[in-house]
């Protein structure tokens, strides 16, 4: 069985509107409602709460290994 990797994230991305409205008793991780997925040009992060794009990475035709 494959062992799970630990997160290697160094900088987190959040919706600007969610960050502004973050309740005092919650962390950004608890409050986040994000969807992340592959698109034709790359990867998009979408805020479900505000129905808007957080960021869209364009890989300019480079292939990315999908797990």
PDB file of N, CA and C in Angstrom:
ATOM      1  N   UNK A   1       0.844  -1.181   0.000  1.00  0.00           N
ATOM      2  CA  UNK A   1       0.000   0.000   0.000  1.00  0.00           C
ATOM      3  C   UNK A   1       0.889   1.244   0.000  1.00  0.00           C
ATOM      4  N   UNK A   2       0.484   2.243  -0.795  1.00  0.00           N
ATOM      5  CA  UNK A   2       1.216   3.492  -0.903  1.00  0.00           C
ATOM      6  C   UNK A   2       0.985   4.350   0.338  1.00  0.00           C
ATOM      7  N   UNK A   3       2.058   4.909   0.888  1.00  0.00           N
ATOM      8  CA  UNK A   3       1.944   5.767   2.062  1.00  0.00           C
ATOM      9  C   UNK A   3       1.585   7.194   1.620  1.00  0.00           C
ATOM     10  N   UNK A   4       0.677   7.830   2.341  1.00  0.00           N
ATOM     11  CA  UNK A   4       0.263   9.189   2.015  1.00  0.00           C
ATOM     12  C   UNK A   4       1.414  10.162   2.206  1.00  0.00           C
ATOM     13  N   UNK A   5       1.521  11.115   1.280  1.00  0.00           N
ATOM     14  CA  UNK A   5       2.529  12.173   1.394  1.00  0.00           C
ATOM     15  C   UNK A   5       2.037  13.251   2.333  1.00  0.00           C
ATOM     16  N   UNK A   6       2.961  13.920   2.946  1.00  0.00           N
ATOM     17  CA  UNK A   6       2.629  15.091   3.753  1.00  0.00           C
ATOM     18  C   UNK A   6       2.540  16.305   2.831  1.00  0.00           C
ATOM     19  N   UNK A   7       1.765  17.282   3.214  1.00  0.00           N
ATOM     20  CA  UNK A   7       1.623  18.499   2.420  1.00  0.00           C
ATOM     21  C   UNK A   7       2.969  19.205   2.302  1.00  0.00           C
ATOM     22  N   UNK A   8       3.268  19.674   1.105  1.00  0.00           N
ATOM     23  CA  UNK A   8       4.482  20.448   0.859  1.00  0.00           C
ATOM     24  C   UNK A   8       4.146  21.908   0.573  1.00  0.00           C
ATOM     25  N   UNK A   9       2.927  22.325   0.870  1.00  0.00           N
ATOM     26  CA  UNK A   9       2.481  23.689   0.591  1.00  0.00           C
ATOM     27  C   UNK A   9       3.255  24.675   1.459  1.00  0.00           C
ATOM     28  N   UNK A  10       3.793  25.705   0.819  1.00  0.00           N
ATOM     29  CA  UNK A  10       4.553  26.753   1.515  1.00  0.00           C
ATOM     30  C   UNK A  10       3.737  28.039   1.645  1.00  0.00           C
ATOM     31  N   UNK A  11       2.871  28.328   0.671  1.00  0.00           N
ATOM     32  CA  UNK A  11       2.037  29.523   0.674  1.00  0.00           C
ATOM     33  C   UNK A  11       0.631  29.104   0.269  1.00  0.00           C
ATOM     34  N   UNK A  12      -0.359  29.482   1.059  1.00  0.00           N
ATOM     35  CA  UNK A  12      -1.745  29.117   0.775  1.00  0.00           C
ATOM     36  C   UNK A  12      -2.434  30.203  -0.043  1.00  0.00           C
ATOM     37  N   UNK A  13      -3.397  29.805  -0.860  1.00  0.00           N
ATOM     38  CA  UNK A  13      -4.207  30.726  -1.647  1.00  0.00           C
ATOM     39  C   UNK A  13      -5.611  30.740  -1.076  1.00  0.00           C
ATOM     40  N   UNK A  14      -6.185  31.930  -0.948  1.00  0.00           N
ATOM     41  CA  UNK A  14      -7.542  32.060  -0.422  1.00  0.00           C
ATOM     42  C   UNK A  14      -8.310  33.065  -1.256  1.00  0.00           C
ATOM     43  N   UNK A  15      -9.615  32.953  -1.240  1.00  0.00           N
ATOM     44  CA  UNK A  15     -10.497  33.930  -1.860  1.00  0.00           C
ATOM     45  C   UNK A  15     -10.379  35.238  -1.072  1.00  0.00           C
ATOM     46  N   UNK A  16     -10.200  36.368  -1.771  1.00  0.00           N
ATOM     47  CA  UNK A  16     -10.078  37.669  -1.099  1.00  0.00           C
ATOM     48  C   UNK A  16     -11.319  38.004  -0.287  1.00  0.00           C
ATOM     49  N   UNK A  17     -12.485  37.699  -0.843  1.00  0.00           N
ATOM     50  CA  UNK A  17     -13.733  38.014  -0.136  1.00  0.00           C
ATOM     51  C   UNK A  17     -13.895  37.154   1.115  1.00  0.00           C
ATOM     52  N   UNK A  18     -13.511  35.892   1.040  1.00  0.00           N
ATOM     53  CA  UNK A  18     -13.573  35.015   2.219  1.00  0.00           C
ATOM     54  C   UNK A  18     -12.604  35.514   3.295  1.00  0.00           C
ATOM     55  N   UNK A  19     -11.409  35.935   2.880  1.00  0.00           N
ATOM     56  CA  UNK A  19     -10.418  36.425   3.842  1.00  0.00           C
ATOM     57  C   UNK A  19     -10.931  37.669   4.558  1.00  0.00           C
ATOM     58  N   UNK A  20     -11.628  38.541   3.836  1.00  0.00           N
ATOM     59  CA  UNK A  20     -12.190  39.760   4.451  1.00  0.00           C
ATOM     60  C   UNK A  20     -13.309  39.437   5.432  1.00  0.00           C
ATOM     61  N   UNK A  21     -14.093  38.396   5.134  1.00  0.00           N
ATOM     62  CA  UNK A  21     -15.250  38.063   5.962  1.00  0.00           C
ATOM     63  C   UNK A  21     -15.009  36.938   6.944  1.00  0.00           C
ATOM     64  N   UNK A  22     -13.762  36.572   7.152  1.00  0.00           N
ATOM     65  CA  UNK A  22     -13.408  35.450   8.028  1.00  0.00           C
ATOM     66  C   UNK A  22     -13.871  35.700   9.460  1.00  0.00           C
ATOM     67  N   UNK A  23     -14.723  34.827   9.999  1.00  0.00           N
ATOM     68  CA  UNK A  23     -15.142  34.975  11.396  1.00  0.00           C
ATOM     69  C   UNK A  23     -13.949  34.828  12.343  1.00  0.00           C
ATOM     70  N   UNK A  24     -13.948  35.579  13.441  1.00  0.00           N
ATOM     71  CA  UNK A  24     -12.827  35.577  14.389  1.00  0.00           C
ATOM     72  C   UNK A  24     -12.514  34.188  14.936  1.00  0.00           C
ATOM     73  N   UNK A  25     -13.527  33.362  15.121  1.00  0.00           N
ATOM     74  CA  UNK A  25     -13.329  32.054  15.741  1.00  0.00           C
ATOM     75  C   UNK A  25     -12.926  30.951  14.748  1.00  0.00           C
ATOM     76  N   UNK A  26     -12.740  31.308  13.473  1.00  0.00           N
ATOM     77  CA  UNK A  26     -12.409  30.298  12.465  1.00  0.00           C
ATOM     78  C   UNK A  26     -11.079  30.600  11.799  1.00  0.00           C
ATOM     79  N   UNK A  27     -10.396  29.529  11.394  1.00  0.00           N
ATOM     80  CA  UNK A  27      -9.173  29.682  10.605  1.00  0.00           C
ATOM     81  C   UNK A  27      -9.571  29.730   9.128  1.00  0.00           C
ATOM     82  N   UNK A  28      -8.686  30.255   8.259  1.00  0.00           N
ATOM     83  CA  UNK A  28      -8.999  30.238   6.828  1.00  0.00           C
ATOM     84  C   UNK A  28      -9.276  28.822   6.316  1.00  0.00           C
ATOM     85  N   UNK A  29      -8.573  27.855   6.861  1.00  0.00           N
ATOM     86  CA  UNK A  29      -8.780  26.458   6.435  1.00  0.00           C
ATOM     87  C   UNK A  29     -10.183  25.978   6.789  1.00  0.00           C
ATOM     88  N   UNK A  30     -10.678  26.331   7.967  1.00  0.00           N
ATOM     89  CA  UNK A  30     -12.018  25.923   8.378  1.00  0.00           C
ATOM     90  C   UNK A  30     -13.096  26.619   7.555  1.00  0.00           C
ATOM     91  N   UNK A  31     -12.844  27.861   7.172  1.00  0.00           N
ATOM     92  CA  UNK A  31     -13.845  28.680   6.494  1.00  0.00           C
ATOM     93  C   UNK A  31     -13.882  28.459   4.974  1.00  0.00           C
ATOM     94  N   UNK A  32     -12.784  27.998   4.414  1.00  0.00           N
ATOM     95  CA  UNK A  32     -12.659  27.869   2.960  1.00  0.00           C
ATOM     96  C   UNK A  32     -13.698  26.926   2.367  1.00  0.00           C
ATOM     97  N   UNK A  33     -14.185  27.310   1.197  1.00  0.00           N
ATOM     98  CA  UNK A  33     -15.079  26.462   0.398  1.00  0.00           C
ATOM     99  C   UNK A  33     -14.576  26.540  -1.027  1.00  0.00           C
ATOM    100  N   UNK A  34     -13.476  25.849  -1.289  1.00  0.00           N
ATOM    101  CA  UNK A  34     -12.821  25.923  -2.584  1.00  0.00           C
ATOM    102  C   UNK A  34     -12.956  24.619  -3.355  1.00  0.00           C
ATOM    103  N   UNK A  35     -13.045  24.750  -4.671  1.00  0.00           N
ATOM    104  CA  UNK A  35     -12.963  23.609  -5.582  1.00  0.00           C
ATOM    105  C   UNK A  35     -11.688  23.802  -6.395  1.00  0.00           C
ATOM    106  N   UNK A  36     -10.974  22.708  -6.631  1.00  0.00           N
ATOM    107  CA  UNK A  36      -9.743  22.748  -7.419  1.00  0.00           C
ATOM    108  C   UNK A  36      -9.851  21.667  -8.474  1.00  0.00           C
ATOM    109  N   UNK A  37      -9.545  22.030  -9.727  1.00  0.00           N
ATOM    110  CA  UNK A  37      -9.642  21.025 -10.771  1.00  0.00           C
ATOM    111  C   UNK A  37      -8.869  21.396 -12.020  1.00  0.00           C
ATOM    112  N   UNK A  38      -8.660  20.383 -12.866  1.00  0.00           N
ATOM    113  CA  UNK A  38      -7.961  20.569 -14.133  1.00  0.00           C
ATOM    114  C   UNK A  38      -8.897  21.204 -15.152  1.00  0.00           C
ATOM    115  N   UNK A  39      -8.374  22.118 -15.949  1.00  0.00           N
ATOM    116  CA  UNK A  39      -9.086  22.755 -17.049  1.00  0.00           C
ATOM    117  C   UNK A  39      -8.290  22.481 -18.317  1.00  0.00           C
ATOM    118  N   UNK A  40      -8.788  22.940 -19.457  1.00  0.00           N
ATOM    119  CA  UNK A  40      -8.048  22.728 -20.706  1.00  0.00           C
ATOM    120  C   UNK A  40      -6.649  23.340 -20.633  1.00  0.00           C
ATOM    121  N   UNK A  41      -6.501  24.600 -20.179  1.00  0.00           N
ATOM    122  CA  UNK A  41      -5.138  25.148 -20.133  1.00  0.00           C
ATOM    123  C   UNK A  41      -4.336  24.818 -18.872  1.00  0.00           C
ATOM    124  N   UNK A  42      -4.982  24.381 -17.784  1.00  0.00           N
ATOM    125  CA  UNK A  42      -4.208  24.147 -16.563  1.00  0.00           C
ATOM    126  C   UNK A  42      -5.041  23.726 -15.372  1.00  0.00           C
ATOM    127  N   UNK A  43      -4.971  24.506 -14.285  1.00  0.00           N
ATOM    128  CA  UNK A  43      -5.697  24.211 -13.038  1.00  0.00           C
ATOM    129  C   UNK A  43      -6.403  25.489 -12.581  1.00  0.00           C
ATOM    130  N   UNK A  44      -7.649  25.326 -12.143  1.00  0.00           N
ATOM    131  CA  UNK A  44      -8.417  26.460 -11.636  1.00  0.00           C
ATOM    132  C   UNK A  44      -8.790  26.213 -10.184  1.00  0.00           C
ATOM    133  N   UNK A  45      -8.696  27.273  -9.366  1.00  0.00           N
ATOM    134  CA  UNK A  45      -9.192  27.258  -7.990  1.00  0.00           C
ATOM    135  C   UNK A  45     -10.401  28.176  -7.968  1.00  0.00           C
ATOM    136  N   UNK A  46     -11.536  27.655  -7.491  1.00  0.00           N
ATOM    137  CA  UNK A  46     -12.822  28.343  -7.548  1.00  0.00           C
ATOM    138  C   UNK A  46     -13.400  28.465  -6.149  1.00  0.00           C
ATOM    139  N   UNK A  47     -13.877  29.659  -5.765  1.00  0.00           N
ATOM    140  CA  UNK A  47     -14.545  29.862  -4.479  1.00  0.00           C
ATOM    141  C   UNK A  47     -16.021  29.510  -4.640  1.00  0.00           C
ATOM    142  N   UNK A  48     -16.465  28.494  -3.931  1.00  0.00           N
ATOM    143  CA  UNK A  48     -17.862  28.065  -3.984  1.00  0.00           C
ATOM    144  C   UNK A  48     -18.746  29.074  -3.262  1.00  0.00           C
ATOM    145  N   UNK A  49     -18.281  29.618  -2.157  1.00  0.00           N
ATOM    146  CA  UNK A  49     -19.067  30.566  -1.368  1.00  0.00           C
ATOM    147  C   UNK A  49     -19.415  31.811  -2.191  1.00  0.00           C
ATOM    148  N   UNK A  50     -18.456  32.334  -2.935  1.00  0.00           N
ATOM    149  CA  UNK A  50     -18.671  33.571  -3.680  1.00  0.00           C
ATOM    150  C   UNK A  50     -18.848  33.363  -5.185  1.00  0.00           C
ATOM    151  N   UNK A  51     -18.812  32.105  -5.633  1.00  0.00           N
ATOM    152  CA  UNK A  51     -18.982  31.775  -7.057  1.00  0.00           C
ATOM    153  C   UNK A  51     -18.072  32.622  -7.939  1.00  0.00           C
ATOM    154  N   UNK A  52     -16.754  32.577  -7.596  1.00  0.00           N
ATOM    155  CA  UNK A  52     -15.800  33.325  -8.408  1.00  0.00           C
ATOM    156  C   UNK A  52     -14.446  32.631  -8.400  1.00  0.00           C
ATOM    157  N   UNK A  53     -13.674  32.949  -9.417  1.00  0.00           N
ATOM    158  CA  UNK A  53     -12.343  32.369  -9.564  1.00  0.00           C
ATOM    159  C   UNK A  53     -11.380  32.994  -8.564  1.00  0.00           C
ATOM    160  N   UNK A  54     -10.586  32.144  -7.914  1.00  0.00           N
ATOM    161  CA  UNK A  54      -9.516  32.612  -7.035  1.00  0.00           C
ATOM    162  C   UNK A  54      -8.250  32.778  -7.873  1.00  0.00           C
ATOM    163  N   UNK A  55      -7.936  31.759  -8.671  1.00  0.00           N
ATOM    164  CA  UNK A  55      -6.776  31.811  -9.565  1.00  0.00           C
ATOM    165  C   UNK A  55      -6.933  30.711 -10.621  1.00  0.00           C
ATOM    166  N   UNK A  56      -6.350  30.945 -11.787  1.00  0.00           N
ATOM    167  CA  UNK A  56      -6.360  29.951 -12.860  1.00  0.00           C
ATOM    168  C   UNK A  56      -4.943  29.887 -13.420  1.00  0.00           C
ATOM    169  N   UNK A  57      -4.291  28.755 -13.238  1.00  0.00           N
ATOM    170  CA  UNK A  57      -2.923  28.563 -13.714  1.00  0.00           C
ATOM    171  C   UNK A  57      -2.959  28.017 -15.134  1.00  0.00           C
ATOM    172  N   UNK A  58      -2.272  28.672 -16.037  1.00  0.00           N
ATOM    173  CA  UNK A  58      -2.183  28.255 -17.434  1.00  0.00           C
ATOM    174  C   UNK A  58      -0.805  27.626 -17.642  1.00  0.00           C
ATOM    175  N   UNK A  59      -0.788  26.353 -17.996  1.00  0.00           N
ATOM    176  CA  UNK A  59       0.485  25.638 -18.164  1.00  0.00           C
ATOM    177  C   UNK A  59       1.071  25.800 -19.566  1.00  0.00           C
ATOM    178  N   UNK A  60       0.447  26.622 -20.392  1.00  0.00           N
ATOM    179  CA  UNK A  60       0.956  26.957 -21.721  1.00  0.00           C
ATOM    180  C   UNK A  60       1.351  25.728 -22.521  1.00  0.00           C
ATOM    181  N   UNK A  61       0.493  24.718 -22.492  1.00  0.00           N
ATOM    182  CA  UNK A  61       0.706  23.520 -23.299  1.00  0.00           C
ATOM    183  C   UNK A  61       1.573  22.455 -22.659  1.00  0.00           C
ATOM    184  N   UNK A  62       2.207  22.735 -21.521  1.00  0.00           N
ATOM    185  CA  UNK A  62       3.029  21.732 -20.850  1.00  0.00           C
ATOM    186  C   UNK A  62       2.127  20.692 -20.189  1.00  0.00           C
ATOM    187  N   UNK A  63       2.473  19.449 -20.332  1.00  0.00           N
ATOM    188  CA  UNK A  63       1.676  18.382 -19.719  1.00  0.00           C
ATOM    189  C   UNK A  63       2.040  18.248 -18.257  1.00  0.00           C
ATOM    190  N   UNK A  64       1.025  17.957 -17.434  1.00  0.00           N
ATOM    191  CA  UNK A  64       1.206  17.775 -15.997  1.00  0.00           C
ATOM    192  C   UNK A  64       0.731  16.371 -15.661  1.00  0.00           C
ATOM    193  N   UNK A  65       1.529  15.662 -14.876  1.00  0.00           N
ATOM    194  CA  UNK A  65       1.156  14.310 -14.458  1.00  0.00           C
ATOM    195  C   UNK A  65      -0.041  14.385 -13.518  1.00  0.00           C
ATOM    196  N   UNK A  66      -1.136  13.756 -13.915  1.00  0.00           N
ATOM    197  CA  UNK A  66      -2.336  13.715 -13.070  1.00  0.00           C
ATOM    198  C   UNK A  66      -2.339  12.416 -12.297  1.00  0.00           C
ATOM    199  N   UNK A  67      -2.627  12.520 -11.031  1.00  0.00           N
ATOM    200  CA  UNK A  67      -2.620  11.333 -10.153  1.00  0.00           C
ATOM    201  C   UNK A  67      -3.976  10.687 -10.162  1.00  0.00           C
TER     202      UNK A  67
END
